[in-house]
Amino acid sequence: MTGLVNKAAMIGMGIKIGVPVLAIGTGIYLIKRMFKRNPDGTSTRVAPSLKDTVIQKENLTISPSDAALFANTLYGAMLDFGTDEKTIYNIIGKISTKDDMLLVIKAFGMKQYLWGTRTALIGQNYNLLGWLRFELSDREIAKIKAKFDQWGIPI
């Protein structure tokens, strides 16, 4: 009889633990699915897709290593809590052509975002435009929007 009691207790404990874990997992899955994505993995709500964009090499004024440096500097300015807006404005001010900006966006790549921190489970991948959209307020975006409009890159 004690074997049946132990099995019943184990099943009861499994249900008490398993059901909430399953519910939380399902909730996370549904929330992530709720955010529609562009073909390149970015959220359509936050950043435009740049998958089909072609960089015209003859219009570049920076090297790929400069683009990587700019991308890493921008990432560092937005990573973790607090945003270094001055660094963002400074770097974007150094970029002169649309193709330079596209090269920087490409060098930035797709990075997981959840309130500016690194996350592996519940964050979503965004390109540089998505990160800028999350990290800067509308007033701060207005300071760089003219340049993006000139380049024809929606932000």
N, C-alpha and C. Protein backbone atom coordinates (compact mmCIF):
# COMPACT_ATOMS: atom_id res chain seq x y z
N MET A 1 0.82 -1.20 0.00
CA MET A 1 0.00 0.00 0.00
C MET A 1 0.87 1.27 0.00
N THR A 2 2.03 1.19 0.66
CA THR A 2 2.88 2.38 0.70
C THR A 2 3.43 2.70 -0.68
N GLY A 3 3.60 1.67 -1.55
CA GLY A 3 4.08 1.90 -2.92
C GLY A 3 3.08 2.73 -3.71
N LEU A 4 1.78 2.45 -3.49
CA LEU A 4 0.74 3.22 -4.20
C LEU A 4 0.69 4.65 -3.69
N VAL A 5 0.86 4.83 -2.39
CA VAL A 5 0.84 6.17 -1.81
C VAL A 5 2.02 6.98 -2.34
N ASN A 6 3.19 6.37 -2.42
CA ASN A 6 4.37 7.07 -2.93
C ASN A 6 4.19 7.45 -4.40
N LYS A 7 3.62 6.54 -5.21
CA LYS A 7 3.38 6.84 -6.62
C LYS A 7 2.37 7.97 -6.75
N ALA A 8 1.33 7.93 -5.96
CA ALA A 8 0.31 8.98 -6.00
C ALA A 8 0.90 10.32 -5.59
N ALA A 9 1.75 10.30 -4.58
CA ALA A 9 2.39 11.54 -4.13
C ALA A 9 3.32 12.08 -5.21
N MET A 10 4.05 11.18 -5.87
CA MET A 10 4.96 11.60 -6.93
C MET A 10 4.19 12.20 -8.11
N ILE A 11 3.07 11.57 -8.46
CA ILE A 11 2.25 12.08 -9.56
C ILE A 11 1.67 13.44 -9.19
N GLY A 12 1.19 13.56 -7.97
CA GLY A 12 0.64 14.83 -7.49
C GLY A 12 1.70 15.93 -7.51
N MET A 13 2.91 15.61 -7.07
CA MET A 13 4.00 16.58 -7.06
C MET A 13 4.37 16.96 -8.50
N GLY A 14 4.38 15.97 -9.40
CA GLY A 14 4.69 16.23 -10.80
C GLY A 14 3.68 17.18 -11.43
N ILE A 15 2.42 17.00 -11.08
CA ILE A 15 1.36 17.88 -11.61
C ILE A 15 1.52 19.28 -11.03
N LYS A 16 1.81 19.39 -9.74
CA LYS A 16 1.97 20.70 -9.10
C LYS A 16 3.11 21.50 -9.71
N ILE A 17 4.17 20.82 -10.10
CA ILE A 17 5.34 21.49 -10.67
C ILE A 17 5.21 21.61 -12.19
N GLY A 18 4.77 20.54 -12.83
CA GLY A 18 4.74 20.49 -14.29
C GLY A 18 3.75 21.44 -14.94
N VAL A 19 2.57 21.57 -14.38
CA VAL A 19 1.55 22.42 -14.98
C VAL A 19 2.00 23.89 -15.01
N PRO A 20 2.49 24.47 -13.92
CA PRO A 20 2.96 25.86 -14.00
C PRO A 20 4.14 26.04 -14.96
N VAL A 21 5.07 25.09 -14.97
CA VAL A 21 6.21 25.19 -15.88
C VAL A 21 5.73 25.15 -17.33
N LEU A 22 4.80 24.26 -17.63
CA LEU A 22 4.24 24.17 -18.97
C LEU A 22 3.49 25.45 -19.34
N ALA A 23 2.73 25.99 -18.40
CA ALA A 23 1.98 27.22 -18.65
C ALA A 23 2.92 28.40 -18.92
N ILE A 24 3.97 28.51 -18.14
CA ILE A 24 4.93 29.60 -18.35
C ILE A 24 5.63 29.46 -19.70
N GLY A 25 6.05 28.25 -20.02
CA GLY A 25 6.69 28.00 -21.31
C GLY A 25 5.78 28.32 -22.48
N THR A 26 4.53 27.91 -22.38
CA THR A 26 3.56 28.20 -23.43
C THR A 26 3.32 29.70 -23.55
N GLY A 27 3.25 30.39 -22.43
CA GLY A 27 3.06 31.84 -22.43
C GLY A 27 4.21 32.56 -23.12
N ILE A 28 5.43 32.17 -22.81
CA ILE A 28 6.60 32.78 -23.43
C ILE A 28 6.58 32.53 -24.94
N TYR A 29 6.28 31.30 -25.33
CA TYR A 29 6.21 30.96 -26.76
C TYR A 29 5.17 31.82 -27.47
N LEU A 30 3.99 31.97 -26.90
CA LEU A 30 2.93 32.74 -27.53
C LEU A 30 3.27 34.22 -27.61
N ILE A 31 3.90 34.75 -26.58
CA ILE A 31 4.30 36.16 -26.59
C ILE A 31 5.33 36.40 -27.69
N LYS A 32 6.32 35.51 -27.80
CA LYS A 32 7.34 35.66 -28.84
C LYS A 32 6.72 35.55 -30.23
N ARG A 33 5.74 34.67 -30.38
CA ARG A 33 5.09 34.50 -31.68
C ARG A 33 4.21 35.67 -32.03
N MET A 34 3.75 36.39 -31.02
CA MET A 34 2.87 37.52 -31.22
C MET A 34 3.57 38.64 -31.99
N PHE A 35 4.87 38.75 -31.83
CA PHE A 35 5.62 39.81 -32.50
C PHE A 35 5.98 39.36 -33.91
N LYS A 36 5.33 39.95 -34.88
CA LYS A 36 5.59 39.60 -36.27
C LYS A 36 6.98 40.07 -36.64
N ARG A 37 7.67 39.27 -37.48
CA ARG A 37 9.05 39.59 -37.83
C ARG A 37 9.22 39.80 -39.33
N ASN A 38 10.23 40.60 -39.66
CA ASN A 38 10.66 40.75 -41.05
C ASN A 38 11.43 39.50 -41.45
N PRO A 39 11.69 39.33 -42.76
CA PRO A 39 12.46 38.17 -43.19
C PRO A 39 13.86 38.08 -42.56
N ASP A 40 14.45 39.22 -42.19
CA ASP A 40 15.78 39.17 -41.59
C ASP A 40 15.73 38.98 -40.09
N GLY A 41 14.53 38.76 -39.54
CA GLY A 41 14.41 38.47 -38.12
C GLY A 41 14.05 39.66 -37.27
N THR A 42 14.02 40.85 -37.84
CA THR A 42 13.68 42.03 -37.05
C THR A 42 12.17 42.15 -36.93
N SER A 43 11.73 42.79 -35.90
CA SER A 43 10.31 43.00 -35.70
C SER A 43 9.83 44.07 -36.67
N THR A 44 8.72 43.82 -37.35
CA THR A 44 8.18 44.81 -38.27
C THR A 44 7.68 46.04 -37.51
N ARG A 45 7.43 45.86 -36.25
CA ARG A 45 6.94 46.95 -35.42
C ARG A 45 8.06 47.92 -35.06
N VAL A 46 9.29 47.44 -35.08
CA VAL A 46 10.39 48.25 -34.58
C VAL A 46 11.38 48.67 -35.64
N ALA A 47 11.70 47.80 -36.58
CA ALA A 47 12.73 48.12 -37.55
C ALA A 47 12.36 47.59 -38.92
N PRO A 48 12.64 48.37 -39.96
CA PRO A 48 12.36 47.88 -41.30
C PRO A 48 13.33 46.77 -41.69
N SER A 49 12.91 45.93 -42.59
CA SER A 49 13.78 44.87 -43.09
C SER A 49 14.76 45.45 -44.08
N LEU A 50 16.00 45.05 -43.99
CA LEU A 50 17.03 45.50 -44.92
C LEU A 50 17.61 44.33 -45.69
N LYS A 51 16.85 43.23 -45.73
CA LYS A 51 17.35 42.00 -46.34
C LYS A 51 17.73 42.18 -47.81
N ASP A 52 16.92 42.89 -48.56
CA ASP A 52 17.15 43.03 -50.00
C ASP A 52 17.95 44.28 -50.36
N THR A 53 18.48 44.97 -49.39
CA THR A 53 19.24 46.19 -49.64
C THR A 53 20.62 45.85 -50.18
N VAL A 54 21.01 46.57 -51.23
CA VAL A 54 22.32 46.36 -51.85
C VAL A 54 23.21 47.56 -51.52
N ILE A 55 24.41 47.28 -51.07
CA ILE A 55 25.37 48.33 -50.76
C ILE A 55 26.18 48.62 -52.02
N GLN A 56 26.17 49.87 -52.44
CA GLN A 56 26.94 50.30 -53.61
C GLN A 56 28.36 50.62 -53.15
N LYS A 57 29.30 49.75 -53.47
CA LYS A 57 30.68 49.90 -52.98
C LYS A 57 31.34 51.17 -53.45
N GLU A 58 30.94 51.67 -54.62
CA GLU A 58 31.56 52.90 -55.13
C GLU A 58 31.15 54.14 -54.32
N ASN A 59 30.07 54.03 -53.53
CA ASN A 59 29.61 55.15 -52.71
C ASN A 59 30.15 55.11 -51.28
N LEU A 60 30.94 54.10 -50.94
CA LEU A 60 31.46 53.98 -49.58
C LEU A 60 32.59 54.97 -49.34
N THR A 61 32.54 55.59 -48.17
CA THR A 61 33.63 56.48 -47.75
C THR A 61 34.35 55.95 -46.52
N ILE A 62 33.86 54.81 -46.00
CA ILE A 62 34.50 54.17 -44.86
C ILE A 62 34.85 52.74 -45.24
N SER A 63 35.81 52.19 -44.53
CA SER A 63 36.22 50.80 -44.78
C SER A 63 35.35 49.85 -43.96
N PRO A 64 35.34 48.57 -44.30
CA PRO A 64 34.59 47.60 -43.48
C PRO A 64 35.08 47.58 -42.02
N SER A 65 36.37 47.80 -41.80
CA SER A 65 36.86 47.83 -40.41
C SER A 65 36.35 49.07 -39.68
N ASP A 66 36.23 50.21 -40.38
CA ASP A 66 35.63 51.40 -39.77
C ASP A 66 34.16 51.13 -39.41
N ALA A 67 33.46 50.47 -40.33
CA ALA A 67 32.05 50.15 -40.09
C ALA A 67 31.91 49.24 -38.88
N ALA A 68 32.80 48.26 -38.75
CA ALA A 68 32.76 47.37 -37.59
C ALA A 68 33.05 48.13 -36.31
N LEU A 69 33.99 49.07 -36.36
CA LEU A 69 34.31 49.89 -35.19
C LEU A 69 33.11 50.75 -34.80
N PHE A 70 32.47 51.38 -35.79
CA PHE A 70 31.29 52.20 -35.52
C PHE A 70 30.17 51.33 -34.93
N ALA A 71 29.95 50.16 -35.52
CA ALA A 71 28.89 49.26 -35.04
C ALA A 71 29.14 48.83 -33.60
N ASN A 72 30.38 48.46 -33.29
CA ASN A 72 30.71 48.04 -31.93
C ASN A 72 30.59 49.19 -30.94
N THR A 73 30.96 50.39 -31.38
CA THR A 73 30.84 51.56 -30.50
C THR A 73 29.37 51.87 -30.23
N LEU A 74 28.54 51.79 -31.25
CA LEU A 74 27.10 52.00 -31.06
C LEU A 74 26.50 50.94 -30.14
N TYR A 75 26.91 49.71 -30.33
CA TYR A 75 26.43 48.62 -29.47
C TYR A 75 26.82 48.88 -28.02
N GLY A 76 28.06 49.28 -27.80
CA GLY A 76 28.52 49.59 -26.45
C GLY A 76 27.76 50.76 -25.83
N ALA A 77 27.38 51.73 -26.66
CA ALA A 77 26.64 52.89 -26.16
C ALA A 77 25.22 52.54 -25.74
N MET A 78 24.70 51.43 -26.26
CA MET A 78 23.32 51.04 -25.95
C MET A 78 23.23 49.83 -25.04
N LEU A 79 24.32 49.13 -24.83
CA LEU A 79 24.30 47.89 -24.06
C LEU A 79 24.12 48.17 -22.58
N ASP A 80 23.41 47.30 -21.93
CA ASP A 80 23.11 47.37 -20.50
C ASP A 80 22.24 48.59 -20.21
N PHE A 81 22.07 48.91 -18.96
CA PHE A 81 21.15 49.97 -18.58
C PHE A 81 21.80 51.33 -18.77
N GLY A 82 21.02 52.25 -19.32
CA GLY A 82 21.53 53.58 -19.62
C GLY A 82 22.04 53.62 -21.05
N THR A 83 21.79 54.71 -21.72
CA THR A 83 22.21 54.87 -23.11
C THR A 83 23.09 56.10 -23.22
N ASP A 84 24.20 55.97 -23.94
CA ASP A 84 25.11 57.08 -24.16
C ASP A 84 24.72 57.77 -25.47
N GLU A 85 23.76 58.69 -25.39
CA GLU A 85 23.24 59.36 -26.57
C GLU A 85 24.32 60.16 -27.29
N LYS A 86 25.21 60.79 -26.54
CA LYS A 86 26.26 61.61 -27.17
C LYS A 86 27.14 60.76 -28.09
N THR A 87 27.47 59.56 -27.67
CA THR A 87 28.27 58.67 -28.50
C THR A 87 27.49 58.28 -29.75
N ILE A 88 26.21 58.00 -29.60
CA ILE A 88 25.38 57.65 -30.75
C ILE A 88 25.36 58.79 -31.76
N TYR A 89 25.10 60.02 -31.28
CA TYR A 89 25.07 61.18 -32.18
C TYR A 89 26.43 61.39 -32.84
N ASN A 90 27.50 61.20 -32.08
CA ASN A 90 28.85 61.39 -32.60
C ASN A 90 29.15 60.40 -33.73
N ILE A 91 28.84 59.14 -33.51
CA ILE A 91 29.11 58.11 -34.52
C ILE A 91 28.26 58.34 -35.75
N ILE A 92 26.98 58.60 -35.57
CA ILE A 92 26.10 58.81 -36.73
C ILE A 92 26.53 60.07 -37.48
N GLY A 93 27.05 61.06 -36.76
CA GLY A 93 27.57 62.27 -37.41
C GLY A 93 28.77 62.00 -38.30
N LYS A 94 29.52 60.95 -38.01
CA LYS A 94 30.69 60.60 -38.81
C LYS A 94 30.34 59.83 -40.09
N ILE A 95 29.12 59.36 -40.17
CA ILE A 95 28.69 58.56 -41.32
C ILE A 95 28.10 59.51 -42.36
N SER A 96 28.65 59.45 -43.58
CA SER A 96 28.24 60.45 -44.57
C SER A 96 27.33 59.97 -45.68
N THR A 97 27.37 58.71 -46.05
CA THR A 97 26.50 58.25 -47.15
C THR A 97 25.57 57.14 -46.69
N LYS A 98 24.53 56.93 -47.48
CA LYS A 98 23.58 55.85 -47.20
C LYS A 98 24.30 54.51 -47.18
N ASP A 99 25.20 54.31 -48.13
CA ASP A 99 25.90 53.04 -48.20
C ASP A 99 26.83 52.83 -47.00
N ASP A 100 27.40 53.92 -46.48
CA ASP A 100 28.19 53.82 -45.25
C ASP A 100 27.30 53.33 -44.10
N MET A 101 26.11 53.93 -44.00
CA MET A 101 25.20 53.54 -42.92
C MET A 101 24.75 52.10 -43.08
N LEU A 102 24.46 51.69 -44.31
CA LEU A 102 24.07 50.30 -44.55
C LEU A 102 25.19 49.34 -44.18
N LEU A 103 26.43 49.74 -44.43
CA LEU A 103 27.58 48.91 -44.06
C LEU A 103 27.69 48.80 -42.54
N VAL A 104 27.42 49.90 -41.84
CA VAL A 104 27.44 49.88 -40.36
C VAL A 104 26.32 48.98 -39.84
N ILE A 105 25.13 49.10 -40.44
CA ILE A 105 24.00 48.25 -40.03
C ILE A 105 24.35 46.78 -40.25
N LYS A 106 24.96 46.49 -41.40
CA LYS A 106 25.36 45.12 -41.70
C LYS A 106 26.42 44.64 -40.70
N ALA A 107 27.38 45.50 -40.37
CA ALA A 107 28.43 45.13 -39.41
C ALA A 107 27.83 44.90 -38.02
N PHE A 108 26.80 45.66 -37.66
CA PHE A 108 26.13 45.50 -36.37
C PHE A 108 25.46 44.13 -36.31
N GLY A 109 24.86 43.72 -37.42
CA GLY A 109 24.21 42.41 -37.47
C GLY A 109 22.94 42.37 -36.65
N MET A 110 22.59 41.18 -36.23
CA MET A 110 21.41 40.95 -35.42
C MET A 110 21.86 40.63 -34.01
N LYS A 111 21.33 41.36 -33.06
CA LYS A 111 21.71 41.15 -31.66
C LYS A 111 20.45 41.01 -30.82
N GLN A 112 20.52 40.11 -29.85
CA GLN A 112 19.40 39.90 -28.93
C GLN A 112 19.17 41.16 -28.11
N TYR A 113 17.91 41.53 -27.96
CA TYR A 113 17.57 42.73 -27.19
C TYR A 113 16.48 42.42 -26.18
N LEU A 114 16.70 42.84 -24.96
CA LEU A 114 15.67 42.85 -23.93
C LEU A 114 16.06 43.96 -22.97
N TRP A 115 15.50 45.12 -23.15
CA TRP A 115 15.80 46.30 -22.34
C TRP A 115 17.28 46.63 -22.33
N GLY A 116 17.92 46.48 -23.47
CA GLY A 116 19.32 46.86 -23.61
C GLY A 116 20.31 45.89 -22.99
N THR A 117 19.86 44.73 -22.57
CA THR A 117 20.77 43.78 -21.95
C THR A 117 20.92 42.54 -22.82
N ARG A 118 21.96 41.78 -22.56
CA ARG A 118 22.15 40.51 -23.26
C ARG A 118 21.20 39.48 -22.67
N THR A 119 20.54 38.75 -23.52
CA THR A 119 19.62 37.74 -23.05
C THR A 119 19.54 36.62 -24.06
N ALA A 120 19.39 35.42 -23.60
CA ALA A 120 19.38 34.29 -24.52
C ALA A 120 17.99 33.65 -24.63
N LEU A 121 17.16 33.79 -23.65
CA LEU A 121 15.90 33.05 -23.66
C LEU A 121 14.71 33.84 -24.15
N ILE A 122 14.52 35.04 -23.64
CA ILE A 122 13.29 35.75 -23.98
C ILE A 122 13.52 37.01 -24.80
N GLY A 123 14.76 37.35 -25.10
CA GLY A 123 15.03 38.51 -25.95
C GLY A 123 14.75 38.19 -27.41
N GLN A 124 14.70 39.23 -28.23
CA GLN A 124 14.48 39.05 -29.65
C GLN A 124 15.64 39.67 -30.42
N ASN A 125 15.90 39.16 -31.60
CA ASN A 125 16.96 39.69 -32.44
C ASN A 125 16.50 40.94 -33.17
N TYR A 126 17.33 41.97 -33.12
CA TYR A 126 17.06 43.21 -33.84
C TYR A 126 18.34 43.70 -34.49
N ASN A 127 18.18 44.41 -35.61
CA ASN A 127 19.33 45.04 -36.22
C ASN A 127 19.58 46.39 -35.54
N LEU A 128 20.53 47.15 -36.04
CA LEU A 128 20.88 48.44 -35.43
C LEU A 128 19.69 49.38 -35.36
N LEU A 129 18.86 49.39 -36.40
CA LEU A 129 17.70 50.28 -36.39
C LEU A 129 16.73 49.93 -35.26
N GLY A 130 16.53 48.65 -35.04
CA GLY A 130 15.66 48.23 -33.94
C GLY A 130 16.21 48.64 -32.59
N TRP A 131 17.53 48.46 -32.41
CA TRP A 131 18.16 48.87 -31.15
C TRP A 131 18.02 50.37 -30.95
N LEU A 132 18.26 51.16 -31.99
CA LEU A 132 18.12 52.62 -31.86
C LEU A 132 16.69 52.99 -31.50
N ARG A 133 15.73 52.31 -32.10
CA ARG A 133 14.32 52.59 -31.85
C ARG A 133 13.96 52.32 -30.39
N PHE A 134 14.50 51.26 -29.84
CA PHE A 134 14.22 50.94 -28.44
C PHE A 134 14.95 51.87 -27.47
N GLU A 135 16.18 52.19 -27.78
CA GLU A 135 17.03 52.91 -26.83
C GLU A 135 16.82 54.42 -26.82
N LEU A 136 16.35 54.99 -27.92
CA LEU A 136 16.19 56.43 -28.00
C LEU A 136 14.72 56.81 -27.94
N SER A 137 14.44 57.92 -27.28
CA SER A 137 13.07 58.43 -27.24
C SER A 137 12.76 59.10 -28.58
N ASP A 138 11.51 59.44 -28.80
CA ASP A 138 11.12 60.10 -30.05
C ASP A 138 11.88 61.42 -30.22
N ARG A 139 12.07 62.14 -29.14
CA ARG A 139 12.80 63.41 -29.20
C ARG A 139 14.26 63.18 -29.58
N GLU A 140 14.85 62.11 -29.05
CA GLU A 140 16.24 61.80 -29.38
C GLU A 140 16.38 61.29 -30.81
N ILE A 141 15.41 60.53 -31.26
CA ILE A 141 15.42 60.05 -32.65
C ILE A 141 15.29 61.23 -33.61
N ALA A 142 14.51 62.24 -33.22
CA ALA A 142 14.34 63.42 -34.09
C ALA A 142 15.69 64.08 -34.39
N LYS A 143 16.66 63.95 -33.48
CA LYS A 143 17.99 64.56 -33.69
C LYS A 143 18.78 63.87 -34.80
N ILE A 144 18.47 62.61 -35.08
CA ILE A 144 19.20 61.88 -36.14
C ILE A 144 18.31 61.55 -37.33
N LYS A 145 17.02 61.79 -37.20
CA LYS A 145 16.06 61.41 -38.24
C LYS A 145 16.33 62.10 -39.57
N ALA A 146 16.74 63.35 -39.56
CA ALA A 146 16.99 64.08 -40.81
C ALA A 146 18.05 63.36 -41.65
N LYS A 147 19.08 62.86 -40.99
CA LYS A 147 20.13 62.14 -41.71
C LYS A 147 19.59 60.85 -42.31
N PHE A 148 18.81 60.12 -41.54
CA PHE A 148 18.24 58.88 -42.03
C PHE A 148 17.25 59.15 -43.17
N ASP A 149 16.48 60.24 -43.06
CA ASP A 149 15.56 60.61 -44.14
C ASP A 149 16.34 60.95 -45.41
N GLN A 150 17.45 61.65 -45.25
CA GLN A 150 18.32 62.00 -46.39
C GLN A 150 18.84 60.75 -47.07
N TRP A 151 19.16 59.74 -46.29
CA TRP A 151 19.66 58.48 -46.83
C TRP A 151 18.55 57.59 -47.38
N GLY A 152 17.30 57.89 -47.01
CA GLY A 152 16.20 57.04 -47.43
C GLY A 152 16.08 55.77 -46.61
N ILE A 153 16.57 55.82 -45.37
CA ILE A 153 16.49 54.68 -44.46
C ILE A 153 15.47 55.03 -43.37
N PRO A 154 14.35 54.32 -43.32
CA PRO A 154 13.34 54.65 -42.30
C PRO A 154 13.82 54.26 -40.91
N ILE A 155 13.60 55.16 -39.99
CA ILE A 155 13.93 54.88 -38.59
C ILE A 155 12.74 55.23 -37.72
